[in-house]
Amino acid sequence: MGIILRLLILGENISDVIKEFYIMGGAFLVPGNVTSSAEANFYGDPVASQVVVTNMDNIYIVPLNVTNKAIVTMEHINMIRKLTDNPLIQIMDEAMEYYIEAYKKLIPGINGAPLHDVLTLFLMVNPEMGSSIRRDVKILTAAEGRGTSIADFRVSSKPAEKNINIYLDFNYQGFIEDFIQVMSS
């Protein structure tokens, strides 16, 4: 998001050029993965994140509470291996084994690893495969709340004035089928 921030500071009106802006970031209604309330991407540069959600339009946020469900298992990787003889799959196989083992230490009992950014790309290409809600978003930029993303999800709350959409769910089976098809082609 740093490049977007620089363009905005320089006065470039990129919101007229960019049709939609997809962000993997934030954690709504769940603990963060860096602090008790902050997700890593928003925590890493909360000022740029806040500037983007304040100044851009047609934003689609795919938060941690959704991407944590995009779990790919070694069974999925084995299916891909059976469908292709691409040598790059060996690298993916080793990377996924490492990633899955790391997640098992963080979340005992998990049988795979969530692919946060892959889900964001999937929803960018297949927006109909997820459900979202339009809400204003604020990202705290300092002190103990740094990187915390806030949105009002109460039934009585109003949709965002800007077109800021927060994904709440996605079609897991569609995601897995697409992942296997893309990775094996």
C-alpha atoms as a PDB file:
ATOM      1  CA  MET A   1       0.000   0.000   0.000  1.00  0.00           C
ATOM      2  CA  GLY A   2       3.031   2.216   0.288  1.00  0.00           C
ATOM      3  CA  ILE A   3       3.082   2.945  -3.464  1.00  0.00           C
ATOM      4  CA  ILE A   4      -0.576   3.960  -3.385  1.00  0.00           C
ATOM      5  CA  LEU A   5       0.182   6.305  -0.472  1.00  0.00           C
ATOM      6  CA  ARG A   6       3.081   7.883  -2.391  1.00  0.00           C
ATOM      7  CA  LEU A   7       0.908   8.451  -5.461  1.00  0.00           C
ATOM      8  CA  LEU A   8      -1.814  10.053  -3.342  1.00  0.00           C
ATOM      9  CA  ILE A   9       0.730  12.333  -1.631  1.00  0.00           C
ATOM     10  CA  LEU A  10       2.124  13.350  -5.027  1.00  0.00           C
ATOM     11  CA  GLY A  11      -1.366  14.330  -6.098  1.00  0.00           C
ATOM     12  CA  GLU A  12      -1.877  11.564  -8.608  1.00  0.00           C
ATOM     13  CA  ASN A  13      -5.583  10.847  -8.955  1.00  0.00           C
ATOM     14  CA  ILE A  14      -5.257   7.106  -9.227  1.00  0.00           C
ATOM     15  CA  SER A  15      -8.793   6.429  -8.023  1.00  0.00           C
ATOM     16  CA  ASP A  16     -10.022   7.424 -11.501  1.00  0.00           C
ATOM     17  CA  VAL A  17      -7.708   4.865 -13.098  1.00  0.00           C
ATOM     18  CA  ILE A  18      -8.048   1.918 -10.711  1.00  0.00           C
ATOM     19  CA  LYS A  19     -11.411   0.216 -11.141  1.00  0.00           C
ATOM     20  CA  GLU A  20     -11.229  -1.837  -7.940  1.00  0.00           C
ATOM     21  CA  PHE A  21      -8.699  -2.183  -5.183  1.00  0.00           C
ATOM     22  CA  TYR A  22      -8.386  -5.562  -3.391  1.00  0.00           C
ATOM     23  CA  ILE A  23      -6.600  -5.690  -0.047  1.00  0.00           C
ATOM     24  CA  MET A  24      -5.727  -8.679   2.103  1.00  0.00           C
ATOM     25  CA  GLY A  25      -5.708  -7.090   5.491  1.00  0.00           C
ATOM     26  CA  GLY A  26      -7.435  -6.422   8.743  1.00  0.00           C
ATOM     27  CA  ALA A  27      -9.082  -8.675  11.260  1.00  0.00           C
ATOM     28  CA  PHE A  28     -12.722  -8.065  12.030  1.00  0.00           C
ATOM     29  CA  LEU A  29     -14.464  -9.731  14.961  1.00  0.00           C
ATOM     30  CA  VAL A  30     -11.460 -12.030  15.589  1.00  0.00           C
ATOM     31  CA  PRO A  31      -8.014 -11.676  17.179  1.00  0.00           C
ATOM     32  CA  GLY A  32      -5.185 -10.460  14.984  1.00  0.00           C
ATOM     33  CA  ASN A  33      -2.145 -12.476  14.013  1.00  0.00           C
ATOM     34  CA  VAL A  34       0.419  -9.892  15.177  1.00  0.00           C
ATOM     35  CA  THR A  35      -1.288  -8.453  18.253  1.00  0.00           C
ATOM     36  CA  SER A  36      -4.520  -9.294  20.019  1.00  0.00           C
ATOM     37  CA  SER A  37      -6.357  -7.032  17.569  1.00  0.00           C
ATOM     38  CA  ALA A  38      -4.109  -6.320  14.566  1.00  0.00           C
ATOM     39  CA  GLU A  39      -3.447  -8.280  11.382  1.00  0.00           C
ATOM     40  CA  ALA A  40       0.095  -8.202   9.956  1.00  0.00           C
ATOM     41  CA  ASN A  41      -0.503  -6.182   6.765  1.00  0.00           C
ATOM     42  CA  PHE A  42      -2.375  -3.356   8.477  1.00  0.00           C
ATOM     43  CA  TYR A  43      -0.006  -3.479  11.443  1.00  0.00           C
ATOM     44  CA  GLY A  44       3.034  -3.203   9.153  1.00  0.00           C
ATOM     45  CA  ASP A  45       1.923   0.140   7.726  1.00  0.00           C
ATOM     46  CA  PRO A  46      -1.200   1.396   9.484  1.00  0.00           C
ATOM     47  CA  VAL A  47      -0.830   4.947   8.178  1.00  0.00           C
ATOM     48  CA  ALA A  48      -0.761   3.859   4.521  1.00  0.00           C
ATOM     49  CA  SER A  49      -3.645   1.460   5.192  1.00  0.00           C
ATOM     50  CA  GLN A  50      -5.750   4.227   6.747  1.00  0.00           C
ATOM     51  CA  VAL A  51      -4.924   6.647   3.916  1.00  0.00           C
ATOM     52  CA  VAL A  52      -5.967   4.054   1.332  1.00  0.00           C
ATOM     53  CA  VAL A  53      -9.324   3.256   2.979  1.00  0.00           C
ATOM     54  CA  THR A  54      -9.972   6.973   3.440  1.00  0.00           C
ATOM     55  CA  ASN A  55      -9.045   8.145  -0.056  1.00  0.00           C
ATOM     56  CA  MET A  56      -9.721   5.270  -2.437  1.00  0.00           C
ATOM     57  CA  ASP A  57     -13.054   4.050  -3.727  1.00  0.00           C
ATOM     58  CA  ASN A  58     -14.205   0.564  -4.749  1.00  0.00           C
ATOM     59  CA  ILE A  59     -12.135  -1.133  -2.072  1.00  0.00           C
ATOM     60  CA  TYR A  60     -12.574  -4.815  -1.327  1.00  0.00           C
ATOM     61  CA  ILE A  61     -10.997  -5.962   1.924  1.00  0.00           C
ATOM     62  CA  VAL A  62     -10.384  -9.672   2.423  1.00  0.00           C
ATOM     63  CA  PRO A  63      -9.644  -9.872   6.151  1.00  0.00           C
ATOM     64  CA  LEU A  64      -7.848 -12.459   8.235  1.00  0.00           C
ATOM     65  CA  ASN A  65     -11.114 -13.846   9.622  1.00  0.00           C
ATOM     66  CA  VAL A  66     -11.994 -14.913   6.055  1.00  0.00           C
ATOM     67  CA  THR A  67      -8.558 -15.843   4.701  1.00  0.00           C
ATOM     68  CA  ASN A  68      -7.930 -18.113   7.698  1.00  0.00           C
ATOM     69  CA  LYS A  69     -10.571 -20.419   6.182  1.00  0.00           C
ATOM     70  CA  ALA A  70      -8.720 -20.757   2.834  1.00  0.00           C
ATOM     71  CA  ILE A  71      -6.926 -23.891   3.972  1.00  0.00           C
ATOM     72  CA  VAL A  72      -5.000 -25.935   1.429  1.00  0.00           C
ATOM     73  CA  THR A  73      -3.922 -29.410   2.541  1.00  0.00           C
ATOM     74  CA  MET A  74      -1.238 -31.788   1.338  1.00  0.00           C
ATOM     75  CA  GLU A  75      -4.064 -33.863  -0.168  1.00  0.00           C
ATOM     76  CA  HIS A  76      -4.834 -30.898  -2.429  1.00  0.00           C
ATOM     77  CA  ILE A  77      -1.166 -30.618  -3.362  1.00  0.00           C
ATOM     78  CA  ASN A  78      -1.044 -34.364  -4.106  1.00  0.00           C
ATOM     79  CA  MET A  79      -4.072 -33.975  -6.400  1.00  0.00           C
ATOM     80  CA  ILE A  80      -2.205 -31.256  -8.292  1.00  0.00           C
ATOM     81  CA  ARG A  81       0.871 -33.485  -8.548  1.00  0.00           C
ATOM     82  CA  LYS A  82      -1.244 -36.254 -10.106  1.00  0.00           C
ATOM     83  CA  LEU A  83      -2.618 -33.825 -12.697  1.00  0.00           C
ATOM     84  CA  THR A  84       0.677 -32.377 -13.925  1.00  0.00           C
ATOM     85  CA  ASP A  85       4.338 -33.203 -14.296  1.00  0.00           C
ATOM     86  CA  ASN A  86       5.411 -29.571 -14.006  1.00  0.00           C
ATOM     87  CA  PRO A  87       8.713 -29.477 -12.031  1.00  0.00           C
ATOM     88  CA  LEU A  88       7.589 -26.281 -10.286  1.00  0.00           C
ATOM     89  CA  ILE A  89       5.054 -28.358  -8.376  1.00  0.00           C
ATOM     90  CA  GLN A  90       7.969 -29.943  -6.490  1.00  0.00           C
ATOM     91  CA  ILE A  91       8.910 -26.486  -5.193  1.00  0.00           C
ATOM     92  CA  MET A  92       5.292 -25.799  -4.228  1.00  0.00           C
ATOM     93  CA  ASP A  93       5.143 -29.187  -2.523  1.00  0.00           C
ATOM     94  CA  GLU A  94       8.168 -28.360  -0.361  1.00  0.00           C
ATOM     95  CA  ALA A  95       6.931 -24.849   0.388  1.00  0.00           C
ATOM     96  CA  MET A  96       3.499 -26.118   1.414  1.00  0.00           C
ATOM     97  CA  GLU A  97       5.010 -28.793   3.669  1.00  0.00           C
ATOM     98  CA  TYR A  98       7.028 -26.076   5.432  1.00  0.00           C
ATOM     99  CA  TYR A  99       4.035 -23.711   5.650  1.00  0.00           C
ATOM    100  CA  ILE A 100       1.712 -26.431   6.967  1.00  0.00           C
ATOM    101  CA  GLU A 101       4.219 -27.468   9.652  1.00  0.00           C
ATOM    102  CA  ALA A 102       4.570 -23.824  10.728  1.00  0.00           C
ATOM    103  CA  TYR A 103       0.791 -23.499  11.006  1.00  0.00           C
ATOM    104  CA  LYS A 104       0.556 -26.720  13.026  1.00  0.00           C
ATOM    105  CA  LYS A 105       2.766 -25.047  15.646  1.00  0.00           C
ATOM    106  CA  LEU A 106       0.494 -21.984  15.696  1.00  0.00           C
ATOM    107  CA  ILE A 107      -2.807 -23.841  15.506  1.00  0.00           C
ATOM    108  CA  PRO A 108      -2.581 -27.406  16.817  1.00  0.00           C
ATOM    109  CA  GLY A 109      -4.847 -29.778  14.909  1.00  0.00           C
ATOM    110  CA  ILE A 110      -4.922 -27.808  11.651  1.00  0.00           C
ATOM    111  CA  ASN A 111      -4.408 -30.119   8.665  1.00  0.00           C
ATOM    112  CA  GLY A 112      -3.243 -27.550   6.144  1.00  0.00           C
ATOM    113  CA  ALA A 113      -2.294 -23.905   5.775  1.00  0.00           C
ATOM    114  CA  PRO A 114      -4.411 -20.902   4.857  1.00  0.00           C
ATOM    115  CA  LEU A 115      -3.321 -19.145   1.668  1.00  0.00           C
ATOM    116  CA  HIS A 116      -4.283 -15.578   2.542  1.00  0.00           C
ATOM    117  CA  ASP A 117      -3.102 -13.753  -0.579  1.00  0.00           C
ATOM    118  CA  VAL A 118      -4.201 -16.549  -2.906  1.00  0.00           C
ATOM    119  CA  LEU A 119      -7.762 -16.205  -1.612  1.00  0.00           C
ATOM    120  CA  THR A 120      -7.614 -12.446  -2.186  1.00  0.00           C
ATOM    121  CA  LEU A 121      -6.552 -13.018  -5.816  1.00  0.00           C
ATOM    122  CA  PHE A 122      -9.272 -15.675  -6.204  1.00  0.00           C
ATOM    123  CA  LEU A 123     -11.954 -13.223  -5.006  1.00  0.00           C
ATOM    124  CA  MET A 124     -10.580 -10.484  -7.242  1.00  0.00           C
ATOM    125  CA  VAL A 125     -11.038 -12.761 -10.260  1.00  0.00           C
ATOM    126  CA  ASN A 126     -14.231 -14.407  -8.951  1.00  0.00           C
ATOM    127  CA  PRO A 127     -16.023 -11.797  -6.794  1.00  0.00           C
ATOM    128  CA  GLU A 128     -19.295 -13.715  -7.035  1.00  0.00           C
ATOM    129  CA  MET A 129     -17.660 -16.542  -5.051  1.00  0.00           C
ATOM    130  CA  GLY A 130     -17.720 -14.480  -1.867  1.00  0.00           C
ATOM    131  CA  SER A 131     -20.116 -12.394   0.155  1.00  0.00           C
ATOM    132  CA  SER A 132     -19.288  -8.945   1.419  1.00  0.00           C
ATOM    133  CA  ILE A 133     -20.831  -6.081   3.316  1.00  0.00           C
ATOM    134  CA  ARG A 134     -20.303  -2.376   2.703  1.00  0.00           C
ATOM    135  CA  ARG A 135     -19.002  -0.573   5.782  1.00  0.00           C
ATOM    136  CA  ASP A 136     -16.747   2.330   6.705  1.00  0.00           C
ATOM    137  CA  VAL A 137     -13.365   1.151   7.971  1.00  0.00           C
ATOM    138  CA  LYS A 138     -10.956   2.861  10.311  1.00  0.00           C
ATOM    139  CA  ILE A 139      -7.446   1.620  10.996  1.00  0.00           C
ATOM    140  CA  LEU A 140      -5.799   2.723  14.198  1.00  0.00           C
ATOM    141  CA  THR A 141      -2.344   4.094  13.493  1.00  0.00           C
ATOM    142  CA  ALA A 142      -0.601   4.463  16.837  1.00  0.00           C
ATOM    143  CA  ALA A 143       0.112   3.056  20.259  1.00  0.00           C
ATOM    144  CA  GLU A 144      -1.426  -0.136  21.562  1.00  0.00           C
ATOM    145  CA  GLY A 145      -4.139  -0.286  18.886  1.00  0.00           C
ATOM    146  CA  ARG A 146      -1.706   0.080  15.972  1.00  0.00           C
ATOM    147  CA  GLY A 147      -3.013  -1.742  12.893  1.00  0.00           C
ATOM    148  CA  THR A 148      -6.386  -2.578  14.429  1.00  0.00           C
ATOM    149  CA  SER A 149      -9.180  -2.466  11.847  1.00  0.00           C
ATOM    150  CA  ILE A 150     -12.581  -1.258  12.973  1.00  0.00           C
ATOM    151  CA  ALA A 151     -15.952  -1.475  11.243  1.00  0.00           C
ATOM    152  CA  ASP A 152     -19.483  -1.324  12.592  1.00  0.00           C
ATOM    153  CA  PHE A 153     -21.250  -4.629  11.921  1.00  0.00           C
ATOM    154  CA  ARG A 154     -24.309  -3.954  14.051  1.00  0.00           C
ATOM    155  CA  VAL A 155     -27.637  -4.538  12.299  1.00  0.00           C
ATOM    156  CA  SER A 156     -28.498  -0.878  12.845  1.00  0.00           C
ATOM    157  CA  SER A 157     -25.259   0.380  11.233  1.00  0.00           C
ATOM    158  CA  LYS A 158     -25.371   2.017   7.838  1.00  0.00           C
ATOM    159  CA  PRO A 159     -23.428   1.030   4.698  1.00  0.00           C
ATOM    160  CA  ALA A 160     -20.232   2.953   4.051  1.00  0.00           C
ATOM    161  CA  GLU A 161     -20.507   6.301   2.307  1.00  0.00           C
ATOM    162  CA  LYS A 162     -17.638   5.192   0.081  1.00  0.00           C
ATOM    163  CA  ASN A 163     -17.682   1.858  -1.685  1.00  0.00           C
ATOM    164  CA  ILE A 164     -15.673  -0.089   0.905  1.00  0.00           C
ATOM    165  CA  ASN A 165     -16.608  -3.761   0.947  1.00  0.00           C
ATOM    166  CA  ILE A 166     -15.481  -6.239   3.573  1.00  0.00           C
ATOM    167  CA  TYR A 167     -15.645  -9.896   2.636  1.00  0.00           C
ATOM    168  CA  LEU A 168     -17.351 -11.997   5.287  1.00  0.00           C
ATOM    169  CA  ASP A 169     -17.270 -15.415   3.609  1.00  0.00           C
ATOM    170  CA  PHE A 170     -16.386 -17.269   0.407  1.00  0.00           C
ATOM    171  CA  ASN A 171     -17.163 -20.490  -1.437  1.00  0.00           C
ATOM    172  CA  TYR A 172     -14.458 -22.793  -0.081  1.00  0.00           C
ATOM    173  CA  GLN A 173     -15.161 -25.628  -2.522  1.00  0.00           C
ATOM    174  CA  GLY A 174     -15.022 -23.212  -5.457  1.00  0.00           C
ATOM    175  CA  PHE A 175     -11.741 -21.811  -4.124  1.00  0.00           C
ATOM    176  CA  ILE A 176     -10.158 -25.267  -3.829  1.00  0.00           C
ATOM    177  CA  GLU A 177     -11.365 -26.371  -7.265  1.00  0.00           C
ATOM    178  CA  ASP A 178     -10.001 -23.175  -8.821  1.00  0.00           C
ATOM    179  CA  PHE A 179      -6.687 -23.510  -6.958  1.00  0.00           C
ATOM    180  CA  ILE A 180      -6.210 -27.088  -8.157  1.00  0.00           C
ATOM    181  CA  GLN A 181      -7.194 -26.191 -11.746  1.00  0.00           C
ATOM    182  CA  VAL A 182      -4.895 -23.145 -11.908  1.00  0.00           C
ATOM    183  CA  MET A 183      -1.937 -24.883 -10.274  1.00  0.00           C
ATOM    184  CA  SER A 184      -2.218 -27.973 -12.460  1.00  0.00           C
ATOM    185  CA  SER A 185      -2.588 -26.168 -15.789  1.00  0.00           C
END
